[in-house]
Amino acid sequence: MSGSYGMEVVLRIQALLDARCTLSFVRLPSGLYPAANLEGTDTSSGYQYVWARDNVYVGWAHWVSGDTESATGVARALLAFYLKYSARFEAIIAGDANPGDPGQRPHVRFDGSTLTEISSQRWAHAQNDALGYVLWFAAKLLRNGALPGSSREWETLSLFPRYFEAIRYWEDEDSGHWEEVRKVSASSIGVVVAALEAWAEVLRGKFVARPAVANRGCDIDAVLELAAKGRGALEKILPNECIQSDPAKNRTVDAALLFLLYPLQVVTGNLGSQIVSNCEQHLKGDFGFRRYVGDSYWAPDYDLKLTAGERTRDFSEDMAFRDAMLPAIGQEAQWCIFDSMLSAFYGSRYALGRDPEDLEQQTAYLNRALEQITAADDPGPPWRCPELYYLRRGAYAPNPHLPLQWAQANLMVALHAMIESTKLAKR
């Protein structure tokens, strides 16, 4: 079904989802959100912990929907964590720590209840995109006056550009959105570029009470020069994800590039359209989007082959073991975080140009996102936003990580964008 929605229909959908708690979030006392509300006692997946990246998307959804308190709560808690462990930034900036060791980098997955690192587990913490999202989100809230910004928060934020400079993010190999093999990824570089440019807007503005912080992280010319280095790298890589010659790293299409279009808006125009077209041609499935061609996470019968604790372990340096579980290209898991973001992306384009084709695409992708909500005959509770659908005994089914709060957040953004489009369509 395509067509278009009216305001009344969207509000009825929202009311129905609210009645079923589809968009109800589990929030920790710290203000952060665990990756999933597992609705049970099994914590072997680790999804009871928080990811910086996921929390920015949850915070962004609440900000877009008008819940400023929840949005700023996310930003403040993330900054409190990185203030607590600011020595990790400082050691790499000073050259006293080895960024080649992911454990020495600022951690991007941690215990959100206590705001402490998880020392018992090895993890692929080399994720420049995750840190970029934190800076980008905080800068957005600062610029809009929602986050006043204490002197300690400013000092913490000023570490991010200096850290990105120290690791030479525009050519740094990181594990990126999917926490896997380290490579020079356009999706990670693009997030950092968006963050640096947003931070430069804060530094340029007169609308924020700015504490006196004197270092390169608060020097607007230095920040813009740093962003330009990332822009230069993107010009060479895009619309690809990675152009390194190593076949284990080289990647033409990756759905993480879609986030550079929305919400980051760091890529626009024809290049953005090319990225969408590539993802639609190579990654779009009946149930969602594959992250990339050959993705073996939740390959067919994944839960039958691995124990609960093994499924989500760090595979970043052992991808061959997991990749052997994917029988054939085309049988990758299909994720439920992309259709809603594409719907919002087309909504943003419709707001600018009033092109009926953009509204039609916005509607089609919202329909797909709504169809991903679990049904009564699916495994697990119904009316939930799953992480992904995977092949289990020959049929696609949602995996146990539901509801995934990142997926809920993206759907909330898509519904809000559709409401805005229905208002414009009436004019």
Protein backbone atom coordinates (compact mmCIF):
# COMPACT_ATOMS: atom_id res chain seq x y z
CA MET A 1 0.00 0.00 0.00
CA SER A 2 1.29 3.48 -0.85
CA GLY A 3 -1.10 6.42 -1.20
CA SER A 4 -0.95 8.93 1.64
CA TYR A 5 -2.00 9.38 5.24
CA GLY A 6 -4.31 11.97 6.74
CA MET A 7 -3.68 13.49 10.13
CA GLU A 8 -6.55 11.56 11.72
CA VAL A 9 -5.18 8.23 10.49
CA VAL A 10 -1.68 8.90 11.82
CA LEU A 11 -3.09 9.90 15.20
CA ARG A 12 -5.20 6.75 15.31
CA ILE A 13 -2.12 4.66 14.56
CA GLN A 14 -0.25 6.39 17.35
CA ALA A 15 -3.11 5.82 19.76
CA LEU A 16 -3.22 2.14 18.83
CA LEU A 17 0.52 1.76 19.36
CA ASP A 18 0.31 3.64 22.66
CA ALA A 19 -2.44 1.32 23.86
CA ARG A 20 -0.22 -1.68 23.08
CA CYS A 21 2.90 -0.02 24.65
CA THR A 22 4.72 -0.36 21.33
CA LEU A 23 6.52 2.94 21.82
CA SER A 24 6.97 2.69 25.59
CA PHE A 25 10.62 3.08 26.54
CA VAL A 26 12.49 1.64 29.50
CA ARG A 27 14.58 4.40 31.04
CA LEU A 28 17.28 3.91 33.65
CA PRO A 29 17.55 6.26 36.65
CA SER A 30 20.66 7.76 35.04
CA GLY A 31 18.54 9.03 32.14
CA LEU A 32 19.97 6.49 29.68
CA TYR A 33 18.23 3.60 27.91
CA PRO A 34 19.32 -0.06 27.70
CA ALA A 35 19.63 -1.41 24.17
CA ALA A 36 16.51 -3.53 24.55
CA ASN A 37 13.68 -4.01 26.98
CA LEU A 38 14.08 -7.76 27.03
CA GLU A 39 10.90 -8.25 29.08
CA GLY A 40 12.54 -11.12 30.92
CA THR A 41 15.43 -12.05 33.18
CA ASP A 42 17.89 -13.42 30.60
CA THR A 43 20.80 -10.98 30.36
CA SER A 44 23.17 -13.21 28.37
CA SER A 45 22.78 -11.03 25.27
CA GLY A 46 24.25 -7.98 27.02
CA TYR A 47 21.41 -5.84 25.70
CA GLN A 48 20.70 -4.67 29.24
CA TYR A 49 23.76 -2.43 28.84
CA VAL A 50 23.73 0.90 27.04
CA TRP A 51 25.33 1.85 23.74
CA ALA A 52 26.21 5.52 23.21
CA ARG A 53 25.00 5.36 19.61
CA ASP A 54 21.62 3.83 20.42
CA ASN A 55 21.05 6.36 23.18
CA VAL A 56 21.63 9.29 20.87
CA TYR A 57 18.95 7.91 18.55
CA VAL A 58 16.56 7.46 21.46
CA GLY A 59 17.37 10.96 22.70
CA TRP A 60 16.92 12.38 19.21
CA ALA A 61 13.50 10.74 18.91
CA HIS A 62 12.36 12.29 22.18
CA TRP A 63 13.74 15.67 21.13
CA VAL A 64 11.94 15.54 17.78
CA SER A 65 8.72 14.53 19.55
CA GLY A 66 8.94 17.43 21.99
CA ASP A 67 10.13 15.59 25.11
CA THR A 68 13.00 17.91 25.95
CA GLU A 69 13.49 16.52 29.44
CA SER A 70 14.19 12.98 28.22
CA ALA A 71 16.40 14.22 25.40
CA THR A 72 18.58 16.38 27.63
CA GLY A 73 18.68 13.58 30.20
CA VAL A 74 20.39 11.38 27.61
CA ALA A 75 22.94 14.06 26.72
CA ARG A 76 23.75 14.89 30.33
CA ALA A 77 24.21 11.25 31.31
CA LEU A 78 26.45 10.53 28.33
CA LEU A 79 28.58 13.57 29.14
CA ALA A 80 28.72 12.52 32.80
CA PHE A 81 30.08 9.14 31.74
CA TYR A 82 32.70 10.63 29.43
CA LEU A 83 33.68 13.19 32.09
CA LYS A 84 34.18 10.31 34.52
CA TYR A 85 36.49 8.59 32.04
CA SER A 86 37.98 11.70 30.44
CA ALA A 87 41.45 10.28 31.10
CA ARG A 88 40.92 7.95 28.14
CA PHE A 89 40.55 10.95 25.80
CA GLU A 90 43.44 12.78 27.42
CA ALA A 91 45.83 9.83 27.23
CA ILE A 92 45.29 9.38 23.49
CA ILE A 93 45.46 13.14 22.87
CA ALA A 94 48.76 13.26 24.75
CA GLY A 95 50.11 10.19 22.97
CA ASP A 96 50.30 8.20 26.19
CA ALA A 97 47.82 5.49 25.10
CA ASN A 98 47.70 3.30 22.02
CA PRO A 99 44.56 3.89 19.91
CA GLY A 100 45.32 0.62 18.17
CA ASP A 101 44.09 -1.11 21.31
CA PRO A 102 40.27 -0.70 21.36
CA GLY A 103 40.22 -1.13 25.14
CA GLN A 104 42.29 2.02 25.58
CA ARG A 105 39.86 4.15 23.59
CA PRO A 106 36.80 5.80 25.20
CA HIS A 107 34.25 3.06 25.74
CA VAL A 108 31.01 3.17 23.75
CA ARG A 109 29.17 0.36 25.55
CA PHE A 110 28.87 0.47 29.32
CA ASP A 111 26.68 -0.05 32.38
CA GLY A 112 24.07 2.68 32.15
CA SER A 113 22.77 2.16 35.67
CA THR A 114 26.06 2.98 37.35
CA LEU A 115 27.77 4.89 34.51
CA THR A 116 30.74 2.58 34.75
CA GLU A 117 32.79 0.67 32.20
CA ILE A 118 32.30 -3.05 31.80
CA SER A 119 35.72 -4.35 32.73
CA SER A 120 34.79 -8.02 32.56
CA GLN A 121 34.32 -8.12 28.78
CA ARG A 122 36.47 -7.31 25.78
CA TRP A 123 34.69 -5.09 23.29
CA ALA A 124 35.33 -3.33 19.95
CA HIS A 125 35.38 0.18 21.44
CA ALA A 126 37.10 1.72 18.40
CA GLN A 127 33.88 3.30 17.13
CA ASN A 128 34.37 6.87 15.94
CA ASP A 129 30.77 7.13 14.83
CA ALA A 130 29.48 6.48 18.36
CA LEU A 131 31.59 9.29 19.84
CA GLY A 132 30.64 11.51 16.91
CA TYR A 133 26.97 11.00 17.65
CA VAL A 134 27.49 12.13 21.25
CA LEU A 135 29.14 15.38 20.16
CA TRP A 136 26.56 15.95 17.41
CA PHE A 137 23.58 15.44 19.72
CA ALA A 138 24.97 17.58 22.53
CA ALA A 139 25.78 20.34 20.03
CA LYS A 140 22.23 20.26 18.68
CA LEU A 141 20.80 20.66 22.17
CA LEU A 142 23.29 23.39 23.08
CA ARG A 143 22.48 25.37 19.98
CA ASN A 144 18.77 25.18 20.69
CA GLY A 145 19.21 26.23 24.30
CA ALA A 146 17.86 22.94 25.66
CA LEU A 147 21.20 22.03 27.19
CA PRO A 148 22.67 25.04 29.03
CA GLY A 149 26.03 23.33 29.32
CA SER A 150 28.01 23.48 32.55
CA SER A 151 31.70 24.33 32.49
CA ARG A 152 32.51 20.64 33.06
CA GLU A 153 30.27 19.61 30.16
CA TRP A 154 31.98 22.13 27.90
CA GLU A 155 35.38 20.87 28.96
CA THR A 156 34.27 17.31 28.22
CA LEU A 157 32.88 18.23 24.80
CA SER A 158 36.07 20.08 23.91
CA LEU A 159 37.94 16.78 24.28
CA PHE A 160 36.06 15.21 21.36
CA PRO A 161 37.56 17.31 18.52
CA ARG A 162 41.05 16.99 19.98
CA TYR A 163 40.59 13.23 20.25
CA PHE A 164 39.38 13.00 16.64
CA GLU A 165 42.43 15.00 15.58
CA ALA A 166 44.79 12.78 17.58
CA ILE A 167 43.53 9.57 15.97
CA ARG A 168 43.33 11.22 12.51
CA TYR A 169 39.71 10.14 12.16
CA TRP A 170 39.60 10.85 8.43
CA GLU A 171 41.95 7.90 7.84
CA ASP A 172 41.49 5.92 11.06
CA GLU A 173 40.35 2.31 10.93
CA ASP A 174 37.46 1.81 13.33
CA SER A 175 34.80 -0.84 13.92
CA GLY A 176 31.97 1.53 13.05
CA HIS A 177 28.22 1.18 13.44
CA TRP A 178 28.30 -2.62 13.31
CA GLU A 179 31.26 -3.13 15.69
CA GLU A 180 33.10 -5.45 13.36
CA VAL A 181 36.35 -5.53 11.35
CA ARG A 182 38.26 -2.25 11.56
CA LYS A 183 38.40 -0.30 8.30
CA VAL A 184 38.30 3.29 7.01
CA SER A 185 34.51 3.73 6.75
CA ALA A 186 32.65 6.62 5.17
CA SER A 187 29.76 6.08 7.58
CA SER A 188 32.04 6.72 10.56
CA ILE A 189 33.87 9.64 8.97
CA GLY A 190 30.54 11.21 8.01
CA VAL A 191 29.20 11.09 11.56
CA VAL A 192 32.32 12.83 12.87
CA VAL A 193 32.07 15.48 10.14
CA ALA A 194 28.44 16.17 11.09
CA ALA A 195 29.47 16.39 14.75
CA LEU A 196 32.35 18.78 14.12
CA GLU A 197 30.23 21.03 11.93
CA ALA A 198 27.45 21.07 14.53
CA TRP A 199 30.02 21.89 17.23
CA ALA A 200 31.39 24.71 15.05
CA GLU A 201 27.88 26.15 14.85
CA VAL A 202 27.76 26.21 18.65
CA LEU A 203 31.15 27.90 18.83
CA ARG A 204 30.09 30.44 16.22
CA GLY A 205 26.80 31.28 17.91
CA LYS A 206 26.03 34.05 20.37
CA PHE A 207 23.04 32.23 21.81
CA VAL A 208 24.86 29.98 24.28
CA ALA A 209 26.35 31.02 27.60
CA ARG A 210 29.85 29.75 26.87
CA PRO A 211 32.28 29.05 29.72
CA ALA A 212 35.89 29.98 29.21
CA VAL A 213 37.53 26.87 27.75
CA ALA A 214 40.75 27.63 25.92
CA ASN A 215 41.97 24.74 23.77
CA ARG A 216 41.85 23.56 20.16
CA GLY A 217 38.60 21.77 20.84
CA CYS A 218 36.94 25.18 21.22
CA ASP A 219 38.88 26.97 18.46
CA ILE A 220 36.38 27.38 15.63
CA ASP A 221 39.01 27.58 12.90
CA ALA A 222 40.69 24.42 14.14
CA VAL A 223 37.36 22.59 14.34
CA LEU A 224 36.36 23.62 10.82
CA GLU A 225 39.76 22.61 9.47
CA LEU A 226 39.29 19.24 11.13
CA ALA A 227 35.84 18.85 9.58
CA ALA A 228 37.26 19.74 6.15
CA LYS A 229 39.70 16.82 6.37
CA GLY A 230 36.74 14.50 6.83
CA ARG A 231 34.90 16.12 3.93
CA GLY A 232 37.95 15.51 1.77
CA ALA A 233 37.99 11.84 2.72
CA LEU A 234 34.28 11.49 1.98
CA GLU A 235 34.78 12.95 -1.50
CA LYS A 236 37.17 10.11 -2.25
CA ILE A 237 35.13 7.29 -0.70
CA LEU A 238 31.42 8.03 -1.27
CA PRO A 239 29.05 6.64 -2.41
CA ASN A 240 31.03 3.60 -1.24
CA GLU A 241 31.46 2.64 2.40
CA CYS A 242 35.11 1.56 2.18
CA ILE A 243 37.52 1.60 -0.79
CA GLN A 244 40.47 -0.14 0.85
CA SER A 245 41.87 -2.89 -1.34
CA ASP A 246 41.73 -5.57 1.37
CA PRO A 247 38.68 -7.70 0.45
CA ALA A 248 37.88 -8.16 4.15
CA LYS A 249 37.43 -4.39 4.41
CA ASN A 250 36.36 -3.18 0.96
CA ARG A 251 32.63 -2.52 0.86
CA THR A 252 30.57 -0.82 -1.82
CA VAL A 253 27.20 -0.61 -0.08
CA ASP A 254 26.37 -0.32 3.61
CA ALA A 255 23.05 0.71 5.13
CA ALA A 256 24.89 2.76 7.78
CA LEU A 257 25.46 5.34 5.03
CA LEU A 258 21.73 6.10 5.18
CA PHE A 259 22.23 7.81 8.54
CA LEU A 260 24.45 10.39 6.83
CA LEU A 261 21.31 11.47 4.96
CA TYR A 262 19.04 11.47 7.99
CA PRO A 263 19.21 12.55 10.70
CA LEU A 264 22.75 13.89 10.16
CA GLN A 265 22.12 15.53 6.76
CA VAL A 266 25.83 15.55 6.07
CA VAL A 267 25.20 14.12 2.58
CA THR A 268 22.54 15.63 0.30
CA GLY A 269 21.56 16.02 -3.33
CA ASN A 270 22.45 13.53 -6.05
CA LEU A 271 25.02 11.77 -3.91
CA GLY A 272 22.41 11.10 -1.26
CA SER A 273 20.02 9.79 -3.89
CA GLN A 274 22.75 7.47 -5.18
CA ILE A 275 23.31 6.05 -1.70
CA VAL A 276 19.59 5.38 -1.28
CA SER A 277 19.41 3.76 -4.71
CA ASN A 278 22.39 1.52 -3.95
CA CYS A 279 20.88 0.40 -0.65
CA GLU A 280 17.50 -0.25 -2.23
CA GLN A 281 19.05 -2.28 -5.04
CA HIS A 282 21.42 -4.39 -2.98
CA LEU A 283 20.14 -4.44 0.62
CA LYS A 284 16.37 -4.00 0.64
CA GLY A 285 14.41 -7.13 1.51
CA ASP A 286 10.81 -8.07 2.20
CA PHE A 287 11.16 -7.60 5.97
CA GLY A 288 13.72 -4.82 6.29
CA PHE A 289 17.22 -3.91 5.11
CA ARG A 290 20.35 -6.02 5.25
CA ARG A 291 23.19 -4.09 6.87
CA TYR A 292 25.56 -5.08 4.06
CA VAL A 293 26.02 -7.91 1.58
CA GLY A 294 27.47 -10.91 3.39
CA ASP A 295 26.47 -9.85 6.91
CA SER A 296 26.58 -13.00 9.05
CA TYR A 297 25.13 -11.58 12.28
CA TRP A 298 21.96 -13.60 12.91
CA ALA A 299 22.61 -15.74 9.87
CA PRO A 300 20.06 -18.54 9.28
CA ASP A 301 19.40 -20.58 12.44
CA TYR A 302 21.86 -18.41 14.33
CA ASP A 303 20.29 -19.18 17.70
CA LEU A 304 20.38 -22.90 16.98
CA LYS A 305 24.12 -22.80 16.27
CA LEU A 306 25.31 -20.55 19.09
CA THR A 307 24.49 -20.26 22.77
CA ALA A 308 22.82 -17.07 23.99
CA GLY A 309 26.09 -15.73 25.36
CA GLU A 310 28.04 -16.47 22.16
CA ARG A 311 25.62 -14.72 19.79
CA THR A 312 26.58 -11.19 20.77
CA ARG A 313 30.25 -11.60 21.64
CA ASP A 314 32.94 -9.43 20.05
CA PHE A 315 33.59 -10.91 16.59
CA SER A 316 35.63 -7.93 15.34
CA GLU A 317 38.86 -9.97 15.18
CA ASP A 318 37.25 -13.31 14.35
CA MET A 319 34.84 -12.57 11.52
CA ALA A 320 35.74 -15.72 9.57
CA PHE A 321 34.21 -17.91 12.28
CA ARG A 322 30.89 -16.11 12.11
CA ASP A 323 30.89 -15.57 8.36
CA ALA A 324 31.07 -19.33 7.87
CA MET A 325 27.52 -19.50 9.26
CA LEU A 326 26.02 -17.61 6.28
CA PRO A 327 25.13 -20.26 3.66
CA ALA A 328 24.53 -17.84 0.78
CA ILE A 329 24.30 -14.18 -0.15
CA GLY A 330 20.69 -13.06 0.16
CA GLN A 331 20.08 -14.94 3.41
CA GLU A 332 21.37 -12.15 5.66
CA ALA A 333 19.21 -10.87 8.52
CA GLN A 334 17.00 -7.91 7.66
CA TRP A 335 17.05 -5.04 10.14
CA CYS A 336 14.16 -2.90 11.37
CA ILE A 337 15.95 0.44 11.95
CA PHE A 338 16.26 1.64 8.37
CA ASP A 339 12.75 1.83 6.87
CA SER A 340 11.54 4.29 9.50
CA MET A 341 14.63 6.48 9.03
CA LEU A 342 14.13 6.45 5.26
CA SER A 343 10.51 7.48 5.82
CA ALA A 344 11.68 10.44 7.91
CA PHE A 345 14.34 11.24 5.30
CA TYR A 346 11.73 11.46 2.56
CA GLY A 347 9.59 13.52 4.92
CA SER A 348 12.42 16.03 5.27
CA ARG A 349 12.72 16.20 1.48
CA TYR A 350 8.99 16.69 1.11
CA ALA A 351 9.13 19.58 3.58
CA LEU A 352 11.72 21.30 1.40
CA GLY A 353 10.36 20.68 -2.09
CA ARG A 354 6.71 19.53 -1.74
CA ASP A 355 7.41 16.84 -4.33
CA PRO A 356 4.52 14.33 -4.28
CA GLU A 357 6.96 11.50 -5.07
CA ASP A 358 8.81 12.20 -1.81
CA LEU A 359 5.53 12.00 0.11
CA GLU A 360 4.71 8.73 -1.64
CA GLN A 361 8.10 7.30 -0.68
CA GLN A 362 7.70 8.56 2.88
CA THR A 363 4.38 6.75 3.10
CA ALA A 364 5.69 3.52 1.56
CA TYR A 365 8.59 3.30 4.01
CA LEU A 366 6.35 4.09 6.98
CA ASN A 367 4.11 1.24 5.88
CA ARG A 368 7.09 -1.10 5.81
CA ALA A 369 8.18 0.06 9.28
CA LEU A 370 4.71 -0.57 10.69
CA GLU A 371 4.61 -4.01 9.11
CA GLN A 372 7.77 -4.92 11.04
CA ILE A 373 5.93 -4.73 14.39
CA THR A 374 5.58 -8.24 15.76
CA ALA A 375 2.30 -10.09 15.38
CA ALA A 376 0.53 -12.52 17.68
CA ASP A 377 1.90 -15.55 15.82
CA ASP A 378 5.53 -14.33 15.96
CA PRO A 379 7.96 -15.64 18.61
CA GLY A 380 8.03 -13.33 21.62
CA PRO A 381 5.52 -10.68 22.64
CA PRO A 382 3.34 -9.07 19.97
CA TRP A 383 3.19 -5.34 19.16
CA ARG A 384 6.94 -4.88 19.63
CA CYS A 385 9.66 -3.31 17.45
CA PRO A 386 12.26 -6.01 16.78
CA GLU A 387 15.94 -5.60 16.06
CA LEU A 388 15.77 -7.74 12.94
CA TYR A 389 14.15 -10.63 11.12
CA TYR A 390 16.29 -13.70 10.38
CA LEU A 391 15.77 -17.09 8.77
CA ARG A 392 14.81 -19.65 11.40
CA ARG A 393 14.08 -23.11 10.10
CA GLY A 394 13.43 -21.64 6.67
CA ALA A 395 11.06 -18.79 7.63
CA TYR A 396 11.80 -15.22 8.67
CA ALA A 397 11.16 -14.51 12.34
CA PRO A 398 12.14 -11.71 14.75
CA ASN A 399 15.19 -12.39 16.89
CA PRO A 400 14.87 -12.28 20.71
CA HIS A 401 16.22 -8.71 21.08
CA LEU A 402 12.86 -7.04 21.28
CA PRO A 403 11.74 -4.50 21.70
CA LEU A 404 14.93 -2.84 20.46
CA GLN A 405 14.74 0.71 21.75
CA TRP A 406 16.67 2.12 18.77
CA ALA A 407 13.98 0.64 16.46
CA GLN A 408 11.23 2.13 18.63
CA ALA A 409 12.95 5.51 18.49
CA ASN A 410 13.21 5.50 14.71
CA LEU A 411 9.55 4.55 14.34
CA MET A 412 8.59 7.40 16.68
CA VAL A 413 10.56 9.82 14.50
CA ALA A 414 8.90 8.47 11.34
CA LEU A 415 5.41 8.93 12.79
CA HIS A 416 6.23 12.48 13.85
CA ALA A 417 7.57 13.23 10.37
CA MET A 418 4.37 11.90 8.81
CA ILE A 419 2.29 14.17 11.02
CA GLU A 420 4.34 17.13 9.81
CA SER A 421 3.87 16.06 6.19
CA THR A 422 0.10 15.78 6.59
CA LYS A 423 0.08 19.38 7.82
CA LEU A 424 2.04 20.51 4.75
CA ALA A 425 -0.14 18.50 2.37
CA LYS A 426 -3.20 20.49 3.52
CA ARG A 427 -1.67 23.84 2.54
